N, C-alpha and C. Protein backbone atom coordinates (compact mmCIF):
# COMPACT_ATOMS: atom_id res chain seq x y z
N MET A 1 35.94 -91.29 -8.12
CA MET A 1 36.08 -91.32 -6.64
C MET A 1 34.33 -91.38 -6.12
N ARG A 2 34.99 -91.77 -4.92
CA ARG A 2 33.73 -91.48 -3.37
C ARG A 2 33.41 -89.70 -2.51
N ASP A 3 32.45 -89.64 -3.13
CA ASP A 3 32.01 -89.04 -2.25
C ASP A 3 31.54 -88.63 -1.11
N ARG A 4 32.98 -88.12 -0.56
CA ARG A 4 32.48 -88.00 1.33
C ARG A 4 31.12 -87.56 2.03
N GLY A 5 30.94 -86.42 0.71
CA GLY A 5 29.83 -85.85 1.58
C GLY A 5 30.41 -84.59 2.18
N SER A 6 29.18 -83.54 2.15
CA SER A 6 30.07 -82.55 3.23
C SER A 6 30.25 -82.86 4.77
N PRO A 7 30.77 -81.73 5.40
CA PRO A 7 31.17 -82.28 6.72
C PRO A 7 29.48 -82.18 7.65
N SER A 8 28.82 -81.41 7.08
CA SER A 8 27.28 -81.87 7.64
C SER A 8 26.68 -83.29 7.53
N THR A 9 27.07 -83.12 5.88
CA THR A 9 26.53 -84.83 6.00
C THR A 9 27.31 -85.75 6.30
N ARG A 10 28.44 -85.88 6.36
CA ARG A 10 29.50 -86.44 7.41
C ARG A 10 28.77 -86.74 8.67
N LEU A 11 28.34 -85.60 9.33
CA LEU A 11 28.14 -85.77 11.10
C LEU A 11 26.56 -86.17 11.28
N SER A 12 26.01 -85.72 10.21
CA SER A 12 24.57 -86.53 10.18
C SER A 12 24.98 -87.93 10.33
N SER A 13 25.68 -88.38 9.50
CA SER A 13 25.78 -89.69 8.69
C SER A 13 25.79 -90.90 9.94
N ALA A 14 27.19 -89.62 11.06
CA ALA A 14 27.53 -90.24 12.09
C ALA A 14 26.70 -90.20 13.73
N GLY A 15 25.10 -89.24 12.94
CA GLY A 15 24.63 -89.17 13.95
C GLY A 15 24.87 -88.48 15.13
N HIS A 16 25.56 -87.71 14.90
CA HIS A 16 26.11 -86.81 15.82
C HIS A 16 26.08 -85.19 14.91
N CYS A 17 25.46 -83.93 15.67
CA CYS A 17 25.27 -83.00 15.11
C CYS A 17 25.36 -81.71 16.26
N PRO A 18 26.44 -81.57 16.67
CA PRO A 18 27.05 -80.38 17.64
C PRO A 18 26.31 -79.00 17.88
N SER A 19 25.92 -78.95 15.98
CA SER A 19 24.98 -77.52 15.83
C SER A 19 23.58 -77.68 16.11
N CYS A 20 23.26 -79.32 16.26
CA CYS A 20 21.88 -78.94 16.87
C CYS A 20 21.75 -79.26 18.19
N GLU A 21 23.02 -79.64 18.78
CA GLU A 21 22.27 -79.78 20.25
C GLU A 21 22.87 -77.75 20.83
N LEU A 22 23.47 -77.33 19.87
CA LEU A 22 23.65 -75.95 20.40
C LEU A 22 22.77 -75.55 21.26
N PRO A 23 21.24 -75.38 20.66
CA PRO A 23 19.77 -74.89 21.35
C PRO A 23 19.51 -75.45 22.45
N ASN A 24 20.27 -76.47 22.77
CA ASN A 24 19.45 -77.67 23.78
C ASN A 24 20.48 -76.41 24.83
N SER A 25 21.76 -76.48 24.50
CA SER A 25 23.12 -76.36 25.26
C SER A 25 22.16 -74.81 25.90
N LEU A 26 22.06 -74.16 24.95
CA LEU A 26 22.25 -73.16 25.60
C LEU A 26 20.75 -72.95 26.72
N GLU A 27 19.79 -73.37 26.40
CA GLU A 27 18.24 -73.49 26.90
C GLU A 27 18.93 -73.86 28.47
N MET A 28 19.68 -75.04 28.63
CA MET A 28 20.02 -75.64 30.03
C MET A 28 20.68 -74.79 30.55
N LYS A 29 21.82 -73.78 30.21
CA LYS A 29 22.21 -72.73 30.71
C LYS A 29 21.21 -71.81 31.13
N THR A 30 20.10 -71.13 30.15
CA THR A 30 19.45 -70.16 30.48
C THR A 30 18.62 -70.85 31.49
N LEU A 31 17.90 -71.83 31.81
CA LEU A 31 17.95 -72.46 32.90
C LEU A 31 18.04 -72.84 34.08
N THR A 32 19.47 -72.98 33.93
CA THR A 32 20.53 -73.17 35.02
C THR A 32 20.00 -71.68 36.07
N TRP A 33 20.32 -70.52 35.19
CA TRP A 33 20.69 -69.21 35.97
C TRP A 33 19.48 -68.47 36.12
N THR A 34 18.35 -69.00 35.53
CA THR A 34 16.80 -68.77 36.09
C THR A 34 16.70 -69.59 37.24
N ILE A 35 17.00 -70.53 37.42
CA ILE A 35 17.01 -71.28 38.93
C ILE A 35 17.69 -71.15 40.09
N LEU A 36 18.61 -70.26 39.64
CA LEU A 36 19.72 -69.27 40.49
C LEU A 36 19.46 -67.97 41.06
N LEU A 37 18.55 -67.68 39.73
CA LEU A 37 18.38 -66.17 39.92
C LEU A 37 17.39 -66.33 40.82
N LEU A 38 16.07 -67.23 40.56
CA LEU A 38 14.92 -67.75 41.46
C LEU A 38 15.08 -67.79 42.52
N SER A 39 16.03 -68.66 43.22
CA SER A 39 16.80 -68.78 44.17
C SER A 39 17.22 -68.02 45.24
N LEU A 40 17.90 -67.05 44.37
CA LEU A 40 18.49 -65.98 45.41
C LEU A 40 17.31 -65.08 45.55
N LEU A 41 16.23 -64.80 45.05
CA LEU A 41 15.40 -63.87 44.94
C LEU A 41 14.39 -64.08 45.65
N ALA A 42 14.11 -65.31 46.03
CA ALA A 42 13.71 -65.88 46.74
C ALA A 42 14.51 -66.14 48.61
N SER A 43 15.68 -66.23 48.39
CA SER A 43 16.34 -66.31 49.32
C SER A 43 16.63 -64.79 50.09
N LEU A 44 16.91 -63.67 49.32
CA LEU A 44 16.51 -62.49 49.66
C LEU A 44 15.03 -61.87 50.19
N GLN A 45 14.00 -62.57 49.84
CA GLN A 45 12.84 -62.35 50.16
C GLN A 45 12.38 -62.74 51.46
N ALA A 46 12.99 -63.56 52.03
CA ALA A 46 12.83 -64.86 53.60
C ALA A 46 13.62 -64.27 54.36
N GLN A 47 14.90 -63.31 53.76
CA GLN A 47 15.63 -62.62 54.59
C GLN A 47 14.62 -61.02 55.10
N ASP A 48 14.03 -60.52 54.14
CA ASP A 48 13.33 -59.71 54.42
C ASP A 48 12.01 -59.52 54.51
N ALA A 49 11.16 -61.01 54.63
CA ALA A 49 10.47 -61.27 55.41
C ALA A 49 10.65 -61.38 57.46
N GLU A 50 11.49 -61.93 57.25
CA GLU A 50 11.46 -61.94 59.34
C GLU A 50 13.01 -61.74 59.14
N PRO A 51 13.21 -60.73 59.82
CA PRO A 51 14.72 -59.86 59.86
C PRO A 51 14.96 -61.02 61.44
N GLU A 52 16.36 -61.48 60.87
CA GLU A 52 17.02 -62.34 61.79
C GLU A 52 17.00 -62.04 63.37
N ARG A 53 16.74 -62.88 64.24
CA ARG A 53 16.14 -62.67 65.40
C ARG A 53 17.58 -62.40 66.19
N LYS A 54 18.46 -63.10 65.72
CA LYS A 54 20.05 -62.72 66.30
C LYS A 54 20.82 -61.48 66.57
N ASN A 55 20.04 -60.67 64.64
CA ASN A 55 20.65 -59.97 64.64
C ASN A 55 20.17 -58.65 65.35
N MET A 56 18.99 -58.81 65.63
CA MET A 56 18.51 -57.86 66.63
C MET A 56 18.23 -57.92 68.10
N GLU A 57 18.34 -59.17 68.72
CA GLU A 57 18.67 -59.83 70.21
C GLU A 57 19.86 -58.89 70.56
N GLY A 58 19.92 -58.20 71.97
CA GLY A 58 21.19 -57.93 72.56
C GLY A 58 20.93 -56.75 72.82
N ILE A 59 22.16 -56.20 73.42
CA ILE A 59 22.43 -54.83 73.56
C ILE A 59 22.98 -53.67 72.66
N TRP A 60 22.29 -52.54 72.72
CA TRP A 60 22.53 -52.02 71.41
C TRP A 60 22.68 -50.41 72.50
N TYR A 61 23.21 -49.39 71.74
CA TYR A 61 23.58 -48.29 72.36
C TYR A 61 23.29 -47.16 71.37
N LEU A 62 22.30 -46.29 72.41
CA LEU A 62 21.78 -45.00 71.62
C LEU A 62 22.96 -44.48 71.15
N LYS A 63 23.43 -44.02 69.85
CA LYS A 63 24.66 -42.77 69.08
C LYS A 63 23.95 -41.84 68.93
N ALA A 64 23.18 -41.38 68.32
CA ALA A 64 22.22 -40.12 68.04
C ALA A 64 20.53 -40.33 67.89
N MET A 65 20.08 -39.04 67.77
CA MET A 65 18.87 -38.42 68.40
C MET A 65 18.55 -37.65 67.39
N VAL A 66 17.14 -37.97 66.18
CA VAL A 66 16.64 -36.37 65.82
C VAL A 66 15.20 -36.43 65.65
N ALA A 67 14.24 -35.23 65.75
CA ALA A 67 12.91 -35.73 66.11
C ALA A 67 12.89 -34.48 64.71
N ASN A 68 11.68 -34.80 63.76
CA ASN A 68 10.65 -33.65 63.38
C ASN A 68 10.46 -31.98 64.05
N LYS A 69 10.53 -32.15 65.36
CA LYS A 69 10.32 -31.01 66.17
C LYS A 69 11.38 -30.85 67.05
N LYS A 70 11.67 -30.03 67.36
CA LYS A 70 12.81 -29.71 68.48
C LYS A 70 12.11 -30.03 69.41
N MET A 71 13.00 -31.03 70.69
CA MET A 71 12.68 -31.46 72.11
C MET A 71 12.94 -30.04 72.72
N PRO A 72 12.10 -30.61 73.80
CA PRO A 72 12.63 -29.50 75.02
C PRO A 72 13.93 -29.78 75.84
N GLU A 73 14.60 -28.60 76.24
CA GLU A 73 15.85 -29.08 76.82
C GLU A 73 15.92 -30.26 77.82
N ASN A 74 14.77 -30.08 78.36
CA ASN A 74 14.28 -30.91 79.56
C ASN A 74 14.61 -32.66 79.07
N MET A 75 13.66 -32.68 78.06
CA MET A 75 13.81 -34.02 77.16
C MET A 75 14.69 -34.54 76.57
N GLN A 76 15.41 -33.48 75.90
CA GLN A 76 16.52 -34.08 75.38
C GLN A 76 17.93 -35.17 76.22
N PRO A 77 18.20 -36.28 75.81
CA PRO A 77 18.77 -37.25 76.37
C PRO A 77 20.63 -37.23 76.31
N LYS A 78 20.40 -36.42 77.63
CA LYS A 78 22.34 -36.07 77.58
C LYS A 78 23.18 -37.20 77.55
N LYS A 79 22.68 -38.24 78.22
CA LYS A 79 23.30 -39.60 78.58
C LYS A 79 22.71 -40.72 78.18
N SER A 80 23.55 -41.60 77.51
CA SER A 80 22.43 -43.16 76.81
C SER A 80 23.13 -43.82 77.79
N TYR A 81 22.05 -44.27 77.98
CA TYR A 81 22.36 -46.33 78.29
C TYR A 81 22.00 -47.22 77.92
N PRO A 82 22.86 -48.72 77.78
CA PRO A 82 22.34 -49.87 76.99
C PRO A 82 20.72 -49.89 76.67
N VAL A 83 20.30 -50.69 75.80
CA VAL A 83 19.03 -51.06 75.56
C VAL A 83 19.04 -52.14 75.14
N THR A 84 18.48 -53.10 75.61
CA THR A 84 18.31 -54.54 75.66
C THR A 84 17.06 -54.76 74.79
N LEU A 85 17.19 -55.81 73.59
CA LEU A 85 15.99 -56.08 72.88
C LEU A 85 16.09 -57.40 73.11
N THR A 86 14.90 -58.19 72.95
CA THR A 86 14.34 -59.37 73.70
C THR A 86 13.92 -59.73 72.38
N ALA A 87 13.95 -60.56 72.18
CA ALA A 87 13.19 -61.65 71.04
C ALA A 87 11.87 -62.74 71.63
N LEU A 88 10.53 -62.67 71.71
CA LEU A 88 9.63 -63.23 72.30
C LEU A 88 8.98 -64.53 71.56
N GLU A 89 8.67 -65.27 71.87
CA GLU A 89 8.34 -66.67 71.01
C GLU A 89 7.66 -66.57 69.69
N ASN A 90 6.41 -64.70 70.18
CA ASN A 90 5.62 -65.00 68.97
C ASN A 90 6.04 -63.93 68.31
N GLY A 91 7.30 -63.84 67.90
CA GLY A 91 8.03 -63.09 67.10
C GLY A 91 8.22 -61.71 67.28
N ASP A 92 7.25 -60.79 68.23
CA ASP A 92 7.48 -59.60 68.39
C ASP A 92 8.81 -59.41 69.49
N TYR A 93 9.03 -58.15 70.20
CA TYR A 93 10.04 -57.94 70.79
C TYR A 93 10.05 -56.74 71.88
N GLU A 94 10.93 -57.30 72.65
CA GLU A 94 10.32 -56.80 74.22
C GLU A 94 11.93 -55.25 74.48
N VAL A 95 11.65 -54.49 74.48
CA VAL A 95 12.84 -53.25 74.82
C VAL A 95 13.09 -52.98 76.17
N GLN A 96 14.06 -53.10 76.51
CA GLN A 96 13.91 -52.66 77.85
C GLN A 96 14.93 -51.66 77.87
N LEU A 97 14.47 -49.76 78.12
CA LEU A 97 15.77 -48.78 77.93
C LEU A 97 15.69 -48.15 79.82
N SER A 98 16.54 -47.20 80.13
CA SER A 98 16.96 -46.82 81.39
C SER A 98 16.72 -45.31 80.01
N PHE A 99 16.07 -43.80 81.30
CA PHE A 99 17.20 -42.81 81.04
C PHE A 99 16.86 -41.72 82.48
N PHE A 100 17.11 -40.83 82.44
CA PHE A 100 17.23 -40.10 83.06
C PHE A 100 16.26 -38.85 83.13
N TYR A 101 15.19 -38.67 84.19
CA TYR A 101 13.93 -37.33 83.54
C TYR A 101 14.14 -37.34 85.12
N LYS A 102 13.94 -35.67 84.81
CA LYS A 102 13.56 -34.91 86.48
C LYS A 102 14.83 -35.38 87.49
N ASP A 103 15.76 -35.81 87.03
CA ASP A 103 17.21 -35.89 88.42
C ASP A 103 16.34 -37.39 89.00
N LYS A 104 16.04 -37.78 87.69
CA LYS A 104 15.71 -39.62 88.86
C LYS A 104 15.70 -40.68 87.50
N CYS A 105 16.52 -41.69 87.65
CA CYS A 105 16.63 -42.62 86.72
C CYS A 105 15.03 -43.06 86.77
N GLU A 106 14.78 -43.52 85.19
CA GLU A 106 13.29 -44.60 84.92
C GLU A 106 13.91 -45.47 84.24
N GLU A 107 13.79 -46.69 84.36
CA GLU A 107 13.84 -47.71 83.52
C GLU A 107 11.99 -48.39 82.84
N LYS A 108 12.28 -48.51 81.74
CA LYS A 108 11.22 -48.98 81.13
C LYS A 108 11.00 -49.68 80.35
N THR A 109 9.72 -50.94 80.44
CA THR A 109 9.72 -52.12 79.11
C THR A 109 8.68 -51.71 78.03
N VAL A 110 9.09 -51.59 77.23
CA VAL A 110 8.45 -51.60 75.90
C VAL A 110 8.31 -52.88 74.81
N GLU A 111 7.21 -53.22 74.77
CA GLU A 111 6.92 -54.41 73.83
C GLU A 111 6.79 -53.79 71.93
N MET A 112 7.28 -53.99 71.12
CA MET A 112 7.34 -54.35 70.21
C MET A 112 6.45 -54.73 69.16
N HIS A 113 5.72 -54.68 68.97
CA HIS A 113 4.85 -56.37 68.35
C HIS A 113 4.72 -55.95 66.81
N ARG A 114 5.11 -57.18 66.31
CA ARG A 114 4.91 -57.23 64.76
C ARG A 114 4.29 -56.85 63.66
N THR A 115 3.87 -56.59 62.56
CA THR A 115 2.77 -56.21 61.83
C THR A 115 2.83 -56.55 60.33
N LYS A 116 2.06 -56.74 59.86
CA LYS A 116 2.22 -57.51 58.16
C LYS A 116 3.61 -57.33 57.91
N ASN A 117 4.09 -56.06 57.96
CA ASN A 117 5.50 -55.42 57.06
C ASN A 117 6.36 -55.90 58.44
N PRO A 118 7.34 -56.91 57.94
CA PRO A 118 7.76 -57.84 58.22
C PRO A 118 9.14 -56.42 58.97
N LYS A 119 9.11 -55.68 58.83
CA LYS A 119 10.21 -54.62 58.89
C LYS A 119 9.89 -53.38 59.81
N LYS A 120 8.15 -53.75 60.00
CA LYS A 120 8.02 -52.64 60.89
C LYS A 120 6.99 -53.40 62.13
N PHE A 121 7.06 -52.17 63.14
CA PHE A 121 6.54 -52.93 64.53
C PHE A 121 5.89 -52.12 65.31
N LYS A 122 4.72 -52.11 65.78
CA LYS A 122 3.94 -51.19 66.45
C LYS A 122 3.97 -51.10 67.96
N THR A 123 4.29 -50.33 68.64
CA THR A 123 3.79 -50.57 70.72
C THR A 123 2.75 -50.04 70.61
N THR A 124 2.61 -50.62 71.81
CA THR A 124 0.94 -50.10 73.08
C THR A 124 0.91 -48.73 73.19
N GLN A 125 1.72 -47.94 72.67
CA GLN A 125 1.55 -46.51 73.07
C GLN A 125 1.44 -45.99 71.58
N ASN A 126 0.87 -47.46 70.58
CA ASN A 126 0.82 -46.43 69.40
C ASN A 126 1.69 -46.20 68.16
N MET A 127 2.87 -46.30 68.74
CA MET A 127 4.02 -46.09 68.00
C MET A 127 4.39 -47.44 66.96
N ILE A 128 4.37 -46.43 65.40
CA ILE A 128 5.04 -47.29 64.72
C ILE A 128 6.54 -47.15 64.50
N ILE A 129 6.76 -48.43 64.42
CA ILE A 129 8.88 -48.68 64.44
C ILE A 129 9.47 -49.19 63.32
N SER A 130 9.69 -48.67 62.49
CA SER A 130 10.49 -49.22 61.41
C SER A 130 11.93 -49.14 61.46
N VAL A 131 12.56 -50.24 61.39
CA VAL A 131 13.95 -50.72 61.47
C VAL A 131 14.29 -50.92 60.05
N GLU A 132 15.54 -49.74 60.09
CA GLU A 132 15.99 -49.88 58.65
C GLU A 132 17.70 -50.19 58.54
N GLU A 133 18.19 -51.02 58.05
CA GLU A 133 19.20 -51.55 57.99
C GLU A 133 20.14 -50.68 57.24
N MET A 134 21.34 -50.76 57.87
CA MET A 134 22.28 -49.75 57.17
C MET A 134 23.33 -50.40 56.96
N SER A 135 24.62 -49.94 55.62
CA SER A 135 25.58 -50.66 55.12
C SER A 135 26.67 -50.77 55.92
N VAL A 136 26.77 -49.96 57.04
CA VAL A 136 27.83 -49.97 58.24
C VAL A 136 27.86 -51.30 59.27
N LYS A 137 28.69 -52.10 59.33
CA LYS A 137 27.96 -53.29 60.37
C LYS A 137 28.20 -52.93 61.42
N ASP A 138 26.69 -53.96 62.30
CA ASP A 138 26.60 -53.44 63.52
C ASP A 138 25.92 -52.47 63.68
N HIS A 139 24.96 -51.67 63.26
CA HIS A 139 24.17 -50.43 63.18
C HIS A 139 23.02 -50.44 62.81
N ILE A 140 22.22 -49.90 63.34
CA ILE A 140 20.63 -49.98 62.44
C ILE A 140 19.60 -48.94 62.95
N ILE A 141 18.92 -48.49 62.34
CA ILE A 141 18.34 -47.04 62.65
C ILE A 141 17.09 -47.26 62.98
N PHE A 142 16.64 -47.03 63.97
CA PHE A 142 14.98 -47.03 64.40
C PHE A 142 14.40 -45.86 63.57
N TYR A 143 13.15 -46.11 62.77
CA TYR A 143 12.56 -44.83 62.71
C TYR A 143 10.72 -44.88 63.49
N VAL A 144 11.00 -43.66 64.19
CA VAL A 144 9.98 -43.91 64.49
C VAL A 144 8.52 -43.02 64.59
N GLN A 145 7.24 -43.47 64.10
CA GLN A 145 6.17 -41.95 64.08
C GLN A 145 5.08 -42.56 64.97
N HIS A 146 4.81 -41.15 65.49
CA HIS A 146 3.71 -41.28 66.63
C HIS A 146 2.83 -39.89 66.73
N GLN A 147 1.61 -39.86 67.49
CA GLN A 147 1.24 -39.12 67.52
C GLN A 147 1.11 -38.57 68.73
N MET A 148 1.50 -36.93 68.80
CA MET A 148 1.28 -36.42 70.26
C MET A 148 0.74 -35.20 70.64
N PHE A 149 -0.58 -35.23 71.33
CA PHE A 149 -1.36 -34.40 71.49
C PHE A 149 -2.04 -34.08 70.16
N GLY A 150 -1.95 -34.87 69.41
CA GLY A 150 -3.04 -34.58 68.15
C GLY A 150 -1.80 -34.33 66.92
N MET A 151 -0.79 -34.21 67.25
CA MET A 151 0.45 -33.57 66.19
C MET A 151 1.37 -34.76 65.64
N PRO A 152 1.44 -34.92 64.76
CA PRO A 152 2.28 -35.82 63.87
C PRO A 152 3.88 -35.88 64.72
N VAL A 153 4.53 -36.93 65.24
CA VAL A 153 5.54 -36.77 65.61
C VAL A 153 6.73 -37.59 65.34
N ARG A 154 7.66 -37.72 64.21
CA ARG A 154 8.78 -38.50 63.76
C ARG A 154 9.98 -38.14 64.23
N PHE A 155 10.31 -39.28 64.89
CA PHE A 155 12.21 -39.08 65.01
C PHE A 155 12.57 -40.50 64.52
N ALA A 156 14.23 -40.15 64.58
CA ALA A 156 15.05 -41.61 64.10
C ALA A 156 16.26 -41.67 64.99
N GLN A 157 16.64 -42.91 65.58
CA GLN A 157 17.65 -42.92 66.42
C GLN A 157 18.16 -44.22 65.59
N LEU A 158 19.81 -43.13 65.91
CA LEU A 158 21.08 -44.13 65.20
C LEU A 158 21.70 -45.49 66.62
N LEU A 159 21.37 -46.48 66.50
CA LEU A 159 21.84 -47.75 67.47
C LEU A 159 22.81 -48.49 66.77
N ALA A 160 23.63 -48.84 67.68
CA ALA A 160 25.08 -49.42 67.63
C ALA A 160 25.24 -50.87 68.33
N ARG A 161 26.21 -52.11 68.12
CA ARG A 161 26.39 -52.86 68.89
C ARG A 161 27.16 -52.11 70.12
N THR A 162 27.89 -51.36 69.62
CA THR A 162 29.45 -50.95 70.80
C THR A 162 29.30 -49.44 70.81
N PRO A 163 29.67 -49.03 72.08
CA PRO A 163 29.37 -47.27 72.36
C PRO A 163 30.75 -46.26 71.44
N GLU A 164 31.53 -46.80 71.23
CA GLU A 164 32.66 -46.49 70.36
C GLU A 164 31.79 -45.90 69.11
N GLU A 165 32.18 -44.33 69.06
CA GLU A 165 31.74 -43.63 67.80
C GLU A 165 32.31 -44.34 66.51
N ASN A 166 31.43 -43.99 65.41
CA ASN A 166 31.85 -44.37 63.92
C ASN A 166 31.18 -43.37 62.96
N PRO A 167 32.47 -42.18 62.89
CA PRO A 167 31.85 -41.63 61.71
C PRO A 167 31.08 -41.89 60.31
N GLU A 168 31.58 -42.88 60.41
CA GLU A 168 30.73 -43.58 59.01
C GLU A 168 29.38 -43.80 59.04
N ALA A 169 28.86 -44.72 60.16
CA ALA A 169 27.51 -44.78 60.94
C ALA A 169 26.96 -43.37 60.96
N LEU A 170 27.70 -42.48 61.40
CA LEU A 170 26.89 -40.64 61.58
C LEU A 170 26.49 -40.33 59.81
N ARG A 171 27.48 -40.39 59.30
CA ARG A 171 27.38 -39.82 57.73
C ARG A 171 26.09 -40.57 57.07
N GLU A 172 26.24 -41.79 57.46
CA GLU A 172 25.23 -42.67 56.57
C GLU A 172 23.30 -42.23 57.52
N PHE A 173 23.59 -41.66 58.66
CA PHE A 173 22.17 -41.53 60.08
C PHE A 173 21.94 -40.20 59.15
N LYS A 174 23.14 -39.52 58.64
CA LYS A 174 22.79 -37.99 58.69
C LYS A 174 21.84 -37.89 57.04
N LYS A 175 22.51 -38.66 56.29
CA LYS A 175 21.74 -39.00 54.80
C LYS A 175 20.36 -39.41 54.98
N PHE A 176 20.04 -39.91 56.12
CA PHE A 176 19.00 -41.04 56.07
C PHE A 176 18.07 -39.55 56.50
N MET A 177 18.80 -39.03 57.47
CA MET A 177 18.09 -37.63 58.89
C MET A 177 17.62 -36.82 56.75
N LYS A 178 18.14 -36.79 55.88
CA LYS A 178 17.82 -35.52 55.07
C LYS A 178 16.86 -36.18 53.82
N HIS A 179 16.69 -37.68 53.91
CA HIS A 179 15.73 -38.30 53.13
C HIS A 179 14.35 -37.82 54.04
N LYS A 180 14.22 -38.24 55.45
CA LYS A 180 13.34 -38.32 55.68
C LYS A 180 13.05 -36.79 56.35
N LYS A 181 13.36 -36.00 55.67
CA LYS A 181 13.75 -34.47 55.79
C LYS A 181 13.28 -33.96 57.84
N LEU A 182 14.14 -34.37 58.54
CA LEU A 182 14.41 -34.18 59.61
C LEU A 182 15.56 -33.53 59.86
N PRO A 183 15.53 -32.45 60.77
CA PRO A 183 16.69 -30.91 60.34
C PRO A 183 17.44 -31.42 61.23
N LEU A 184 19.05 -31.48 60.49
CA LEU A 184 20.36 -31.85 61.07
C LEU A 184 20.11 -31.00 63.05
N GLU A 185 19.64 -29.60 62.81
CA GLU A 185 20.33 -28.94 63.69
C GLU A 185 19.22 -29.68 64.72
N HIS A 186 18.69 -30.09 64.73
CA HIS A 186 17.76 -30.94 66.27
C HIS A 186 17.98 -32.35 66.32
N MET A 187 19.40 -32.46 66.03
CA MET A 187 20.26 -34.31 66.80
C MET A 187 20.54 -33.64 67.74
N VAL A 188 20.74 -34.83 68.26
CA VAL A 188 21.48 -34.86 69.50
C VAL A 188 22.47 -36.18 69.49
N ILE A 189 23.24 -35.99 70.10
CA ILE A 189 24.56 -37.12 70.24
C ILE A 189 24.57 -37.25 71.51
N PRO A 190 24.03 -38.19 72.44
CA PRO A 190 23.88 -38.14 73.92
C PRO A 190 25.82 -39.06 74.25
N GLN A 191 25.83 -38.47 75.57
CA GLN A 191 27.15 -38.57 75.73
C GLN A 191 27.10 -40.79 76.25
N GLN A 192 27.46 -41.63 76.58
CA GLN A 192 27.76 -42.94 76.60
C GLN A 192 28.14 -43.41 78.06
N SER A 193 26.81 -44.02 78.58
CA SER A 193 27.25 -44.41 79.93
C SER A 193 26.84 -45.77 80.06
N ASP A 194 27.06 -46.62 81.35
CA ASP A 194 26.94 -47.68 81.12
C ASP A 194 25.67 -47.72 82.02
N LYS A 195 25.99 -47.13 83.03
CA LYS A 195 24.52 -47.36 83.52
C LYS A 195 23.94 -46.29 84.29
N CYS A 196 22.43 -46.18 84.51
CA CYS A 196 21.16 -45.21 85.04
C CYS A 196 21.41 -45.13 86.62
N VAL A 197 22.12 -43.77 86.99
CA VAL A 197 22.17 -44.26 88.28
C VAL A 197 21.52 -43.16 89.09
N SER A 198 20.75 -43.07 89.92
CA SER A 198 19.77 -41.52 90.36
C SER A 198 20.85 -41.16 91.04
């Protein structure tokens, strides 16, 4: 009787060995997943490296504000007016804002200069502004650090694309306040107004 040989022998004689190809298949899968993972990480790093301008540009509304020091009554924003962010060619931003002070409407333009940290900016007044992303759509947090009369001052602003209230965004802002040790009793929620008029 003719010896047909073991299955492995028959496969070898046929010049085809799936078990021999298995490591190569696993290697290919591993390599593919590695490339995909590295591509994803590179994409995320690119997004972190420079926040998308169109996500920052436009009109924003100040929904809430808090500082580590209690603001004097006359400095607390009773009303909030639209804030306009414009991206400049060099990667900086121009901020146009209005506020009511001493019974008079004031308008101010502030430039936010980019730093080595893509999510931090510095103003001409030496304020350090960190842009904090939120899980709630169309909301961001400006976390500001500054020296005033030789004392460190920290405050946070909740900004939104629309003037409507968003309880979920406010809850997340309060969690951020707790993380940064900003007292809840110092938080101010201003009334929204379309235009600053003296």
